[in-house]
Amino acid sequence: MFSLQIFSVSHSAKSLRSTLRLKTSFYSSPRTLSHFPIFAYSRQIATMASATSFFDFEPVDKKGAPFPLSSLNGKVVLVVNTASKCGFTPQFEGLEKLYQELKTQYPDDFTIIGFPCNQFGSQDPGSDDDIQSFCQLNYGVTFPVLGKLDVNGADAAPVWTFLKEQQPGIMGMKRVKWNFEKFLVSADGKAVNRWASLTKPDGLKDAIVKEIEKAKKEGTLASLKKSEAGAEQAKLS
């Protein structure tokens, strides 16, 4: 539980961030209380306590706004912690190729999400805007790349704590070891596979296709549910 100090109005945003040890920034034009770090972070902690699915979480997007993963419910998702100045950074090219191939084959059933992280060798030091520009200009990335976060330690994003709990690494080690580790999330929100940084994107396709086809048989894909709902609506009209 957090013990919050009472601050005077005159305290600066910088002082508030320092005391709360939050690594996000205040909105210059806040729209709701949830856009402030203290409320967003508290909500994430509460979510972590009750989460049973990857789709229960709301990390922040490239603009710092909540990104509800529930919007991806029913898709198979490849999750990657990325960096712009790493020896593995060229994997962006392979990830984009994989994304395009599977988007053609399964247009509504698969996506990739990149989570920039600066914890490994300080290899992603830029702002979120810098990171977005880098990914698009150098590798033509079109899959979602969200806001920068931590994947390990006391400040690890709750969604990453969830992934590591569900899919520990070798010898049960949960800690992410380096940039470009990959987690595969099933259509019903469970982490079902994990690969080390050395595993190239083109080596993942078979496992991803297998997971999508499995979800298709189980009827958990969003596209199937959408088709069924459409058919039901047609009967009623």
C-alpha atoms as a PDB file:
ATOM      1  CA  MET A   1       0.000   0.000   0.000  1.00  0.00           C
ATOM      2  CA  PHE A   2       1.168   3.557  -0.691  1.00  0.00           C
ATOM      3  CA  SER A   3       1.576   6.169   2.042  1.00  0.00           C
ATOM      4  CA  LEU A   4       1.144   9.548   0.393  1.00  0.00           C
ATOM      5  CA  GLN A   5       2.389  12.807   1.872  1.00  0.00           C
ATOM      6  CA  ILE A   6       0.182  15.916   1.862  1.00  0.00           C
ATOM      7  CA  PHE A   7       1.532  18.494  -0.526  1.00  0.00           C
ATOM      8  CA  SER A   8       0.935  22.229  -0.687  1.00  0.00           C
ATOM      9  CA  VAL A   9      -0.423  23.659  -3.894  1.00  0.00           C
ATOM     10  CA  SER A  10       2.850  25.474  -4.462  1.00  0.00           C
ATOM     11  CA  HIS A  11       4.835  22.259  -4.822  1.00  0.00           C
ATOM     12  CA  SER A  12       6.032  21.714  -8.348  1.00  0.00           C
ATOM     13  CA  ALA A  13       5.066  18.736 -10.532  1.00  0.00           C
ATOM     14  CA  LYS A  14       8.736  17.761 -10.450  1.00  0.00           C
ATOM     15  CA  SER A  15       8.699  17.525  -6.652  1.00  0.00           C
ATOM     16  CA  LEU A  16       5.514  15.479  -6.733  1.00  0.00           C
ATOM     17  CA  ARG A  17       6.933  13.039  -9.258  1.00  0.00           C
ATOM     18  CA  SER A  18      10.114  12.668  -7.227  1.00  0.00           C
ATOM     19  CA  THR A  19       8.288  11.952  -3.985  1.00  0.00           C
ATOM     20  CA  LEU A  20       5.950   9.437  -5.554  1.00  0.00           C
ATOM     21  CA  ARG A  21       8.803   7.858  -7.539  1.00  0.00           C
ATOM     22  CA  LEU A  22       6.694   7.744 -10.666  1.00  0.00           C
ATOM     23  CA  LYS A  23       8.410   7.843 -14.016  1.00  0.00           C
ATOM     24  CA  THR A  24       5.568   9.243 -16.039  1.00  0.00           C
ATOM     25  CA  SER A  25       4.851  12.905 -16.781  1.00  0.00           C
ATOM     26  CA  PHE A  26       1.844  15.069 -16.159  1.00  0.00           C
ATOM     27  CA  TYR A  27      -0.373  16.077 -19.047  1.00  0.00           C
ATOM     28  CA  SER A  28      -0.001  19.685 -20.056  1.00  0.00           C
ATOM     29  CA  SER A  29      -3.783  19.783 -20.613  1.00  0.00           C
ATOM     30  CA  PRO A  30      -5.318  17.099 -18.357  1.00  0.00           C
ATOM     31  CA  ARG A  31      -8.740  15.906 -19.373  1.00  0.00           C
ATOM     32  CA  THR A  32      -9.663  13.556 -16.535  1.00  0.00           C
ATOM     33  CA  LEU A  33      -8.129  12.542 -13.204  1.00  0.00           C
ATOM     34  CA  SER A  34      -7.099   9.212 -14.741  1.00  0.00           C
ATOM     35  CA  HIS A  35      -4.607  11.052 -16.934  1.00  0.00           C
ATOM     36  CA  PHE A  36      -2.501  12.036 -13.895  1.00  0.00           C
ATOM     37  CA  PRO A  37       0.236   9.548 -12.916  1.00  0.00           C
ATOM     38  CA  ILE A  38      -0.950   9.081  -9.332  1.00  0.00           C
ATOM     39  CA  PHE A  39      -4.422   7.985 -10.441  1.00  0.00           C
ATOM     40  CA  ALA A  40      -3.231   5.967 -13.436  1.00  0.00           C
ATOM     41  CA  TYR A  41      -0.613   4.164 -11.343  1.00  0.00           C
ATOM     42  CA  SER A  42      -3.057   3.437  -8.504  1.00  0.00           C
ATOM     43  CA  ARG A  43      -5.494   2.019 -11.043  1.00  0.00           C
ATOM     44  CA  GLN A  44      -2.777  -0.238 -12.481  1.00  0.00           C
ATOM     45  CA  ILE A  45      -1.918  -1.569  -9.011  1.00  0.00           C
ATOM     46  CA  ALA A  46      -5.588  -2.285  -8.324  1.00  0.00           C
ATOM     47  CA  THR A  47      -5.883  -4.037 -11.675  1.00  0.00           C
ATOM     48  CA  MET A  48      -2.837  -6.193 -10.947  1.00  0.00           C
ATOM     49  CA  ALA A  49      -4.474  -7.458  -7.758  1.00  0.00           C
ATOM     50  CA  SER A  50      -7.584  -8.677  -9.578  1.00  0.00           C
ATOM     51  CA  ALA A  51      -6.286  -9.459 -13.085  1.00  0.00           C
ATOM     52  CA  THR A  52      -6.839 -12.905 -14.538  1.00  0.00           C
ATOM     53  CA  SER A  53      -6.104 -12.008 -18.156  1.00  0.00           C
ATOM     54  CA  PHE A  54      -3.634  -9.984 -20.222  1.00  0.00           C
ATOM     55  CA  PHE A  55      -6.649  -8.087 -21.491  1.00  0.00           C
ATOM     56  CA  ASP A  56      -7.439  -6.746 -18.003  1.00  0.00           C
ATOM     57  CA  PHE A  57      -4.540  -4.275 -18.107  1.00  0.00           C
ATOM     58  CA  GLU A  58      -4.260  -0.675 -19.302  1.00  0.00           C
ATOM     59  CA  PRO A  59      -0.668   0.384 -20.007  1.00  0.00           C
ATOM     60  CA  VAL A  60      -0.138   3.818 -21.533  1.00  0.00           C
ATOM     61  CA  ASP A  61       0.201   4.540 -25.229  1.00  0.00           C
ATOM     62  CA  LYS A  62       2.776   6.696 -27.020  1.00  0.00           C
ATOM     63  CA  LYS A  63       0.953   9.858 -25.866  1.00  0.00           C
ATOM     64  CA  GLY A  64       0.656   8.767 -22.234  1.00  0.00           C
ATOM     65  CA  ALA A  65      -3.057   7.977 -22.440  1.00  0.00           C
ATOM     66  CA  PRO A  66      -4.483   4.657 -21.195  1.00  0.00           C
ATOM     67  CA  PHE A  67      -4.387   1.866 -23.782  1.00  0.00           C
ATOM     68  CA  PRO A  68      -7.006  -0.725 -22.737  1.00  0.00           C
ATOM     69  CA  LEU A  69      -5.728  -4.138 -23.775  1.00  0.00           C
ATOM     70  CA  SER A  70      -9.363  -5.242 -23.638  1.00  0.00           C
ATOM     71  CA  SER A  71      -9.591  -3.744 -27.136  1.00  0.00           C
ATOM     72  CA  LEU A  72      -7.467  -6.717 -28.288  1.00  0.00           C
ATOM     73  CA  ASN A  73      -9.521  -9.390 -26.519  1.00  0.00           C
ATOM     74  CA  GLY A  74      -9.907 -12.373 -28.824  1.00  0.00           C
ATOM     75  CA  LYS A  75      -6.662 -11.768 -30.716  1.00  0.00           C
ATOM     76  CA  VAL A  76      -3.421 -13.714 -30.359  1.00  0.00           C
ATOM     77  CA  VAL A  77      -0.797 -11.139 -29.331  1.00  0.00           C
ATOM     78  CA  LEU A  78       2.996 -11.147 -29.559  1.00  0.00           C
ATOM     79  CA  VAL A  79       4.454  -8.868 -26.873  1.00  0.00           C
ATOM     80  CA  VAL A  80       8.031  -7.566 -27.192  1.00  0.00           C
ATOM     81  CA  ASN A  81      10.154  -5.264 -25.019  1.00  0.00           C
ATOM     82  CA  THR A  82      11.967  -3.108 -27.549  1.00  0.00           C
ATOM     83  CA  ALA A  83      14.934  -0.711 -27.678  1.00  0.00           C
ATOM     84  CA  SER A  84      16.265   1.655 -30.339  1.00  0.00           C
ATOM     85  CA  LYS A  85      20.014   1.324 -29.753  1.00  0.00           C
ATOM     86  CA  CYS A  86      20.473  -2.402 -29.143  1.00  0.00           C
ATOM     87  CA  GLY A  87      22.252  -5.093 -31.112  1.00  0.00           C
ATOM     88  CA  PHE A  88      18.839  -6.721 -31.472  1.00  0.00           C
ATOM     89  CA  THR A  89      17.167  -3.536 -32.764  1.00  0.00           C
ATOM     90  CA  PRO A  90      17.217  -4.823 -36.387  1.00  0.00           C
ATOM     91  CA  GLN A  91      14.619  -7.365 -35.226  1.00  0.00           C
ATOM     92  CA  PHE A  92      12.106  -4.558 -35.795  1.00  0.00           C
ATOM     93  CA  GLU A  93      12.379  -5.390 -39.492  1.00  0.00           C
ATOM     94  CA  GLY A  94      11.573  -9.051 -38.896  1.00  0.00           C
ATOM     95  CA  LEU A  95       8.743  -8.193 -36.524  1.00  0.00           C
ATOM     96  CA  GLU A  96       7.145  -5.890 -39.088  1.00  0.00           C
ATOM     97  CA  LYS A  97       7.475  -8.569 -41.781  1.00  0.00           C
ATOM     98  CA  LEU A  98       5.886 -11.144 -39.475  1.00  0.00           C
ATOM     99  CA  TYR A  99       3.100  -8.702 -38.627  1.00  0.00           C
ATOM    100  CA  GLN A 100       2.312  -8.033 -42.283  1.00  0.00           C
ATOM    101  CA  GLU A 101       2.350 -11.731 -43.223  1.00  0.00           C
ATOM    102  CA  LEU A 102       0.030 -12.782 -40.422  1.00  0.00           C
ATOM    103  CA  LYS A 103      -2.211  -9.740 -40.838  1.00  0.00           C
ATOM    104  CA  THR A 104      -2.779 -10.886 -44.418  1.00  0.00           C
ATOM    105  CA  GLN A 105      -3.455 -14.458 -43.337  1.00  0.00           C
ATOM    106  CA  TYR A 106      -5.434 -13.617 -40.176  1.00  0.00           C
ATOM    107  CA  PRO A 107      -6.535  -9.959 -40.521  1.00  0.00           C
ATOM    108  CA  ASP A 108      -8.593  -9.806 -37.314  1.00  0.00           C
ATOM    109  CA  ASP A 109      -6.898 -12.438 -35.196  1.00  0.00           C
ATOM    110  CA  PHE A 110      -3.303 -11.348 -34.535  1.00  0.00           C
ATOM    111  CA  THR A 111      -1.246  -8.333 -33.560  1.00  0.00           C
ATOM    112  CA  ILE A 112       2.154  -7.373 -32.178  1.00  0.00           C
ATOM    113  CA  ILE A 113       2.693  -4.847 -29.392  1.00  0.00           C
ATOM    114  CA  GLY A 114       6.054  -3.222 -28.716  1.00  0.00           C
ATOM    115  CA  PHE A 115       6.866  -1.889 -25.252  1.00  0.00           C
ATOM    116  CA  PRO A 116       9.955   0.367 -25.311  1.00  0.00           C
ATOM    117  CA  CYS A 117      12.210  -0.092 -22.279  1.00  0.00           C
ATOM    118  CA  ASN A 118      15.419   1.662 -21.205  1.00  0.00           C
ATOM    119  CA  GLN A 119      16.415  -0.783 -18.445  1.00  0.00           C
ATOM    120  CA  PHE A 120      19.006  -2.758 -20.405  1.00  0.00           C
ATOM    121  CA  GLY A 121      22.173  -0.798 -21.048  1.00  0.00           C
ATOM    122  CA  SER A 122      20.139   2.438 -21.309  1.00  0.00           C
ATOM    123  CA  GLN A 123      19.551   1.517 -24.945  1.00  0.00           C
ATOM    124  CA  ASP A 124      16.248   3.352 -25.396  1.00  0.00           C
ATOM    125  CA  PRO A 125      16.977   6.805 -23.915  1.00  0.00           C
ATOM    126  CA  GLY A 126      14.784   8.888 -26.228  1.00  0.00           C
ATOM    127  CA  SER A 127      11.338  10.315 -25.622  1.00  0.00           C
ATOM    128  CA  ASP A 128       8.240   8.434 -26.733  1.00  0.00           C
ATOM    129  CA  ASP A 129       8.051  10.723 -29.770  1.00  0.00           C
ATOM    130  CA  ASP A 130      11.697   9.978 -30.607  1.00  0.00           C
ATOM    131  CA  ILE A 131      11.036   6.244 -30.346  1.00  0.00           C
ATOM    132  CA  GLN A 132       7.981   6.413 -32.601  1.00  0.00           C
ATOM    133  CA  SER A 133       9.896   8.348 -35.251  1.00  0.00           C
ATOM    134  CA  PHE A 134      12.834   5.952 -35.077  1.00  0.00           C
ATOM    135  CA  CYS A 135      10.661   2.852 -35.525  1.00  0.00           C
ATOM    136  CA  GLN A 136       8.696   4.298 -38.427  1.00  0.00           C
ATOM    137  CA  LEU A 137      11.535   5.977 -40.312  1.00  0.00           C
ATOM    138  CA  ASN A 138      14.117   3.203 -39.960  1.00  0.00           C
ATOM    139  CA  TYR A 139      11.985   0.057 -40.045  1.00  0.00           C
ATOM    140  CA  GLY A 140       8.550   1.105 -41.308  1.00  0.00           C
ATOM    141  CA  VAL A 141       6.901  -0.225 -38.158  1.00  0.00           C
ATOM    142  CA  THR A 142       3.092  -0.193 -38.325  1.00  0.00           C
ATOM    143  CA  PHE A 143       2.205  -2.397 -35.353  1.00  0.00           C
ATOM    144  CA  PRO A 144       1.460  -0.573 -32.067  1.00  0.00           C
ATOM    145  CA  VAL A 145       4.480   0.653 -30.107  1.00  0.00           C
ATOM    146  CA  LEU A 146       3.247   1.942 -26.749  1.00  0.00           C
ATOM    147  CA  GLY A 147       4.752   4.218 -24.090  1.00  0.00           C
ATOM    148  CA  LYS A 148       8.122   3.491 -22.512  1.00  0.00           C
ATOM    149  CA  LEU A 149       8.015   1.492 -19.273  1.00  0.00           C
ATOM    150  CA  ASP A 150       9.988  -0.790 -16.943  1.00  0.00           C
ATOM    151  CA  VAL A 151       9.708  -4.564 -17.260  1.00  0.00           C
ATOM    152  CA  ASN A 152      11.704  -5.494 -14.126  1.00  0.00           C
ATOM    153  CA  GLY A 153      12.057  -4.204 -10.584  1.00  0.00           C
ATOM    154  CA  ALA A 154       9.836  -2.285  -8.197  1.00  0.00           C
ATOM    155  CA  ASP A 155       8.523  -0.029 -10.955  1.00  0.00           C
ATOM    156  CA  ALA A 156       7.774  -2.807 -13.446  1.00  0.00           C
ATOM    157  CA  ALA A 157       4.506  -2.277 -15.302  1.00  0.00           C
ATOM    158  CA  PRO A 158       1.824  -4.606 -13.877  1.00  0.00           C
ATOM    159  CA  VAL A 159       1.169  -6.163 -17.292  1.00  0.00           C
ATOM    160  CA  TRP A 160       4.804  -7.273 -17.427  1.00  0.00           C
ATOM    161  CA  THR A 161       4.663  -8.685 -13.913  1.00  0.00           C
ATOM    162  CA  PHE A 162       1.642 -10.684 -15.059  1.00  0.00           C
ATOM    163  CA  LEU A 163       3.430 -12.014 -18.157  1.00  0.00           C
ATOM    164  CA  LYS A 164       6.511 -13.056 -16.176  1.00  0.00           C
ATOM    165  CA  GLU A 165       4.407 -14.803 -13.536  1.00  0.00           C
ATOM    166  CA  GLN A 166       2.574 -16.779 -16.206  1.00  0.00           C
ATOM    167  CA  GLN A 167       5.639 -17.651 -18.289  1.00  0.00           C
ATOM    168  CA  PRO A 168       8.844 -17.824 -16.228  1.00  0.00           C
ATOM    169  CA  GLY A 169      12.104 -18.290 -18.093  1.00  0.00           C
ATOM    170  CA  ILE A 170      14.770 -20.980 -17.787  1.00  0.00           C
ATOM    171  CA  MET A 171      15.094 -22.470 -14.282  1.00  0.00           C
ATOM    172  CA  GLY A 172      11.952 -20.590 -13.277  1.00  0.00           C
ATOM    173  CA  MET A 173      13.654 -17.196 -13.529  1.00  0.00           C
ATOM    174  CA  LYS A 174      10.969 -14.580 -14.091  1.00  0.00           C
ATOM    175  CA  ARG A 175      13.184 -11.570 -14.728  1.00  0.00           C
ATOM    176  CA  VAL A 176      13.415 -10.325 -18.323  1.00  0.00           C
ATOM    177  CA  LYS A 177      17.081 -10.663 -19.241  1.00  0.00           C
ATOM    178  CA  TRP A 178      17.467  -8.220 -22.143  1.00  0.00           C
ATOM    179  CA  ASN A 179      15.751  -6.276 -24.913  1.00  0.00           C
ATOM    180  CA  PHE A 180      13.546  -8.078 -27.437  1.00  0.00           C
ATOM    181  CA  GLU A 181      12.286 -10.940 -25.305  1.00  0.00           C
ATOM    182  CA  LYS A 182       8.977 -12.150 -26.675  1.00  0.00           C
ATOM    183  CA  PHE A 183       5.797 -13.382 -24.996  1.00  0.00           C
ATOM    184  CA  LEU A 184       2.907 -14.993 -26.862  1.00  0.00           C
ATOM    185  CA  VAL A 185      -0.554 -14.314 -25.462  1.00  0.00           C
ATOM    186  CA  SER A 186      -3.524 -16.521 -26.340  1.00  0.00           C
ATOM    187  CA  ALA A 187      -6.868 -15.209 -27.568  1.00  0.00           C
ATOM    188  CA  ASP A 188      -8.264 -15.665 -24.052  1.00  0.00           C
ATOM    189  CA  GLY A 189      -5.486 -13.617 -22.442  1.00  0.00           C
ATOM    190  CA  LYS A 190      -3.030 -16.208 -21.106  1.00  0.00           C
ATOM    191  CA  ALA A 191       0.738 -16.050 -21.667  1.00  0.00           C
ATOM    192  CA  VAL A 192       1.424 -19.353 -23.433  1.00  0.00           C
ATOM    193  CA  ASN A 193       5.002 -19.027 -24.685  1.00  0.00           C
ATOM    194  CA  ARG A 194       8.190 -17.060 -24.119  1.00  0.00           C
ATOM    195  CA  TRP A 195      11.310 -16.640 -26.239  1.00  0.00           C
ATOM    196  CA  ALA A 196      14.725 -15.150 -25.516  1.00  0.00           C
ATOM    197  CA  SER A 197      16.185 -12.152 -27.331  1.00  0.00           C
ATOM    198  CA  LEU A 198      18.235 -14.396 -29.620  1.00  0.00           C
ATOM    199  CA  THR A 199      15.089 -15.917 -31.136  1.00  0.00           C
ATOM    200  CA  LYS A 200      14.458 -14.112 -34.415  1.00  0.00           C
ATOM    201  CA  PRO A 201      10.925 -13.124 -35.461  1.00  0.00           C
ATOM    202  CA  ASP A 202      10.904 -15.464 -38.468  1.00  0.00           C
ATOM    203  CA  GLY A 203      11.352 -18.359 -36.057  1.00  0.00           C
ATOM    204  CA  LEU A 204       8.064 -17.576 -34.312  1.00  0.00           C
ATOM    205  CA  LYS A 205       5.595 -17.878 -37.155  1.00  0.00           C
ATOM    206  CA  ASP A 206       4.799 -21.589 -36.816  1.00  0.00           C
ATOM    207  CA  ALA A 207       4.103 -21.298 -33.081  1.00  0.00           C
ATOM    208  CA  ILE A 208       1.887 -18.254 -33.622  1.00  0.00           C
ATOM    209  CA  VAL A 209      -0.102 -19.898 -36.425  1.00  0.00           C
ATOM    210  CA  LYS A 210      -0.545 -22.974 -34.243  1.00  0.00           C
ATOM    211  CA  GLU A 211      -1.937 -20.810 -31.429  1.00  0.00           C
ATOM    212  CA  ILE A 212      -4.324 -18.984 -33.774  1.00  0.00           C
ATOM    213  CA  GLU A 213      -5.607 -22.257 -35.229  1.00  0.00           C
ATOM    214  CA  LYS A 214      -6.050 -23.646 -31.722  1.00  0.00           C
ATOM    215  CA  ALA A 215      -8.104 -20.591 -30.745  1.00  0.00           C
ATOM    216  CA  LYS A 216     -10.159 -21.018 -33.904  1.00  0.00           C
ATOM    217  CA  LYS A 217     -11.066 -24.586 -32.891  1.00  0.00           C
ATOM    218  CA  GLU A 218     -11.871 -23.461 -29.354  1.00  0.00           C
ATOM    219  CA  GLY A 219     -14.031 -20.591 -30.620  1.00  0.00           C
ATOM    220  CA  THR A 220     -12.149 -17.916 -28.667  1.00  0.00           C
ATOM    221  CA  LEU A 221     -11.107 -15.727 -31.613  1.00  0.00           C
ATOM    222  CA  ALA A 222     -12.741 -12.305 -31.782  1.00  0.00           C
ATOM    223  CA  SER A 223     -13.405 -12.720 -35.508  1.00  0.00           C
ATOM    224  CA  LEU A 224     -15.448 -15.880 -34.865  1.00  0.00           C
ATOM    225  CA  LYS A 225     -17.470 -14.209 -32.139  1.00  0.00           C
ATOM    226  CA  LYS A 226     -18.088 -11.256 -34.430  1.00  0.00           C
ATOM    227  CA  SER A 227     -19.285 -13.558 -37.222  1.00  0.00           C
ATOM    228  CA  GLU A 228     -21.562 -15.448 -34.850  1.00  0.00           C
ATOM    229  CA  ALA A 229     -23.013 -12.194 -33.514  1.00  0.00           C
ATOM    230  CA  GLY A 230     -23.611 -10.973 -37.067  1.00  0.00           C
ATOM    231  CA  ALA A 231     -25.361 -14.199 -38.020  1.00  0.00           C
ATOM    232  CA  GLU A 232     -27.537 -13.990 -34.921  1.00  0.00           C
ATOM    233  CA  GLN A 233     -28.447 -10.394 -35.698  1.00  0.00           C
ATOM    234  CA  ALA A 234     -29.344 -11.357 -39.270  1.00  0.00           C
ATOM    235  CA  LYS A 235     -31.770 -13.965 -37.950  1.00  0.00           C
ATOM    236  CA  LEU A 236     -33.488 -11.389 -35.773  1.00  0.00           C
ATOM    237  CA  SER A 237     -33.807  -8.752 -38.489  1.00  0.00           C
END
